[in-house]
């Protein structure tokens, strides 16, 4: 039985030291830009409020918005892992941020959206950790752009 008490802490340390690897997405900057950007045949005064309303519709709180610079920033509601907080005393909060740049070139308007997921952890004794991960799957961008196209259609009346 004494051997078990000596081996158990070693096994725990070994497992705690194992790191899981995240799948890497090998996209070129041009592929990322293509996924994050759409161009519309409308003026910025139609596209900008359409993007604002869609971000709000999909659950983002708008932090800043300026039609002159074409910048919109927003963040989703924070999600907390209550079980980890209760059992381990570790606060684990996840939130997604959206950064949008809208630019009018001639009679067309370009919209680029960048989603970033932030994971914040707080441990005992005031220790904190933060990890920002770019969202590189096409689905969230496709979903947002489909909704933006619908909002532009409604606003422009065509």
Protein backbone atom coordinates (compact mmCIF):
# COMPACT_ATOMS: atom_id res chain seq x y z
CA UNK A 1 0.00 0.00 0.00
CA UNK A 2 2.91 2.37 0.68
CA UNK A 3 4.11 1.88 -2.90
CA UNK A 4 0.72 3.11 -4.16
CA UNK A 5 1.07 6.31 -2.14
CA UNK A 6 4.50 6.91 -3.65
CA UNK A 7 3.49 6.14 -7.25
CA UNK A 8 0.18 8.03 -7.29
CA UNK A 9 1.76 11.53 -7.00
CA UNK A 10 4.23 10.65 -9.75
CA UNK A 11 1.42 9.54 -12.07
CA UNK A 12 -0.52 12.72 -11.31
CA UNK A 13 2.52 14.91 -12.07
CA UNK A 14 3.14 13.04 -15.31
CA UNK A 15 -0.45 13.48 -16.49
CA UNK A 16 -0.56 17.11 -15.41
CA UNK A 17 2.57 17.80 -17.44
CA UNK A 18 1.16 16.34 -20.65
CA UNK A 19 0.26 18.99 -23.16
CA UNK A 20 -2.45 18.58 -25.72
CA UNK A 21 -1.71 20.00 -29.14
CA UNK A 22 -4.22 22.12 -30.98
CA UNK A 23 -4.91 21.35 -34.60
CA UNK A 24 -3.14 23.86 -36.78
CA UNK A 25 -4.82 25.43 -39.75
CA UNK A 26 -2.41 26.15 -42.56
CA UNK A 27 -4.02 29.03 -44.41
CA UNK A 28 -2.12 31.70 -46.27
CA UNK A 29 -2.81 35.35 -45.43
CA UNK A 30 -4.60 35.68 -48.77
CA UNK A 31 -6.88 32.71 -47.97
CA UNK A 32 -7.69 34.21 -44.55
CA UNK A 33 -8.45 37.60 -46.11
CA UNK A 34 -10.66 35.95 -48.72
CA UNK A 35 -12.63 34.12 -46.02
CA UNK A 36 -13.05 37.29 -43.93
CA UNK A 37 -13.93 39.78 -46.71
CA UNK A 38 -16.95 40.48 -48.92
CA UNK A 39 -17.64 43.33 -51.32
CA UNK A 40 -21.09 44.82 -51.85
CA UNK A 41 -22.55 47.01 -54.60
CA UNK A 42 -23.97 49.44 -52.03
CA UNK A 43 -22.74 52.63 -50.41
CA UNK A 44 -21.27 52.65 -46.91
CA UNK A 45 -24.33 54.42 -45.49
CA UNK A 46 -26.34 51.23 -46.20
CA UNK A 47 -23.64 48.65 -45.42
CA UNK A 48 -22.43 50.12 -42.12
CA UNK A 49 -25.78 50.01 -40.26
CA UNK A 50 -26.49 46.59 -41.79
CA UNK A 51 -23.28 45.21 -40.29
CA UNK A 52 -24.06 46.88 -36.94
CA UNK A 53 -27.52 45.35 -36.75
CA UNK A 54 -26.29 41.87 -37.76
CA UNK A 55 -23.57 41.90 -35.09
CA UNK A 56 -26.22 42.78 -32.52
CA UNK A 57 -28.58 40.12 -33.91
CA UNK A 58 -25.95 37.37 -33.54
CA UNK A 59 -25.27 38.32 -29.94
CA UNK A 60 -22.49 40.92 -29.93
CA UNK A 61 -22.46 44.05 -27.80
CA UNK A 62 -21.03 46.93 -29.82
CA UNK A 63 -18.06 48.57 -28.06
CA UNK A 64 -17.12 51.13 -30.71
CA UNK A 65 -18.46 52.17 -34.08
CA UNK A 66 -17.35 54.99 -36.35
CA UNK A 67 -18.64 55.32 -39.90
CA UNK A 68 -15.87 57.81 -40.79
CA UNK A 69 -13.10 55.29 -40.07
CA UNK A 70 -15.27 52.29 -40.93
CA UNK A 71 -14.38 50.50 -37.70
CA UNK A 72 -16.75 48.47 -35.54
CA UNK A 73 -15.71 46.44 -32.51
CA UNK A 74 -17.92 44.20 -30.43
CA UNK A 75 -17.85 41.26 -28.09
CA UNK A 76 -20.09 38.33 -27.32
CA UNK A 77 -21.47 37.54 -23.90
CA UNK A 78 -18.90 35.86 -21.67
CA UNK A 79 -19.32 32.17 -20.88
CA UNK A 80 -17.96 30.83 -17.59
CA UNK A 81 -17.24 27.22 -16.64
CA UNK A 82 -19.07 27.00 -13.32
CA UNK A 83 -17.99 23.41 -12.56
CA UNK A 84 -14.29 24.24 -12.80
CA UNK A 85 -14.84 27.32 -10.69
CA UNK A 86 -16.70 25.37 -8.00
CA UNK A 87 -14.50 22.25 -7.82
CA UNK A 88 -11.03 23.62 -8.58
CA UNK A 89 -11.31 27.31 -7.76
CA UNK A 90 -10.24 28.23 -11.29
CA UNK A 91 -12.25 30.83 -13.16
CA UNK A 92 -12.37 29.98 -16.88
CA UNK A 93 -14.15 32.60 -19.03
CA UNK A 94 -14.50 32.43 -22.82
CA UNK A 95 -15.59 35.30 -25.05
CA UNK A 96 -15.47 36.08 -28.77
CA UNK A 97 -14.55 39.50 -30.09
CA UNK A 98 -15.39 40.89 -33.51
CA UNK A 99 -13.41 43.55 -35.34
CA UNK A 100 -14.91 44.90 -38.55
CA UNK A 101 -13.39 47.25 -41.13
CA UNK A 102 -15.74 48.74 -43.73
CA UNK A 103 -14.25 50.66 -46.64
CA UNK A 104 -15.96 52.32 -49.58
CA UNK A 105 -14.01 52.17 -52.85
CA UNK A 106 -15.70 53.89 -55.80
CA UNK A 107 -19.31 52.65 -55.74
CA UNK A 108 -18.56 49.40 -53.88
CA UNK A 109 -18.15 48.74 -50.17
CA UNK A 110 -15.76 46.16 -48.74
CA UNK A 111 -16.38 44.52 -45.36
CA UNK A 112 -13.72 42.56 -43.49
CA UNK A 113 -14.64 40.77 -40.27
CA UNK A 114 -12.15 39.24 -37.86
CA UNK A 115 -13.37 36.98 -35.03
CA UNK A 116 -11.05 36.18 -32.12
CA UNK A 117 -11.91 33.88 -29.22
CA UNK A 118 -10.44 34.91 -25.87
CA UNK A 119 -10.06 32.43 -23.01
CA UNK A 120 -9.21 33.96 -19.63
CA UNK A 121 -8.28 31.88 -16.60
CA UNK A 122 -7.84 33.08 -13.04
CA UNK A 123 -6.13 30.90 -10.47
CA UNK A 124 -5.49 31.23 -6.77
CA UNK A 125 -3.14 33.93 -5.47
CA UNK A 126 -4.12 36.36 -8.24
CA UNK A 127 -2.53 34.46 -11.11
CA UNK A 128 -4.17 34.97 -14.48
CA UNK A 129 -3.70 33.62 -17.99
CA UNK A 130 -5.17 34.70 -21.30
CA UNK A 131 -5.20 33.02 -24.69
CA UNK A 132 -6.44 34.66 -27.90
CA UNK A 133 -7.22 32.34 -30.81
CA UNK A 134 -8.12 33.55 -34.30
CA UNK A 135 -11.29 31.96 -35.64
CA UNK A 136 -10.12 30.36 -38.89
CA UNK A 137 -13.07 28.14 -39.74
CA UNK A 138 -15.21 29.54 -42.57
CA UNK A 139 -18.63 28.83 -41.04
CA UNK A 140 -18.92 31.84 -38.68
CA UNK A 141 -17.86 34.19 -41.48
CA UNK A 142 -20.27 32.65 -44.01
CA UNK A 143 -23.09 32.90 -41.48
CA UNK A 144 -22.36 36.55 -40.72
CA UNK A 145 -22.03 37.54 -44.39
CA UNK A 146 -25.29 35.81 -45.34
CA UNK A 147 -27.08 37.79 -42.64
CA UNK A 148 -25.35 41.01 -43.75
CA UNK A 149 -26.46 40.43 -47.36
CA UNK A 150 -30.05 39.99 -46.15
CA UNK A 151 -29.86 43.16 -44.04
CA UNK A 152 -28.43 45.14 -46.99
CA UNK A 153 -31.23 43.79 -49.20
CA UNK A 154 -33.86 44.96 -46.72
CA UNK A 155 -32.22 48.38 -46.17
CA UNK A 156 -31.63 49.12 -49.85
CA UNK A 157 -35.07 47.94 -50.93
CA UNK A 158 -33.64 45.79 -53.72
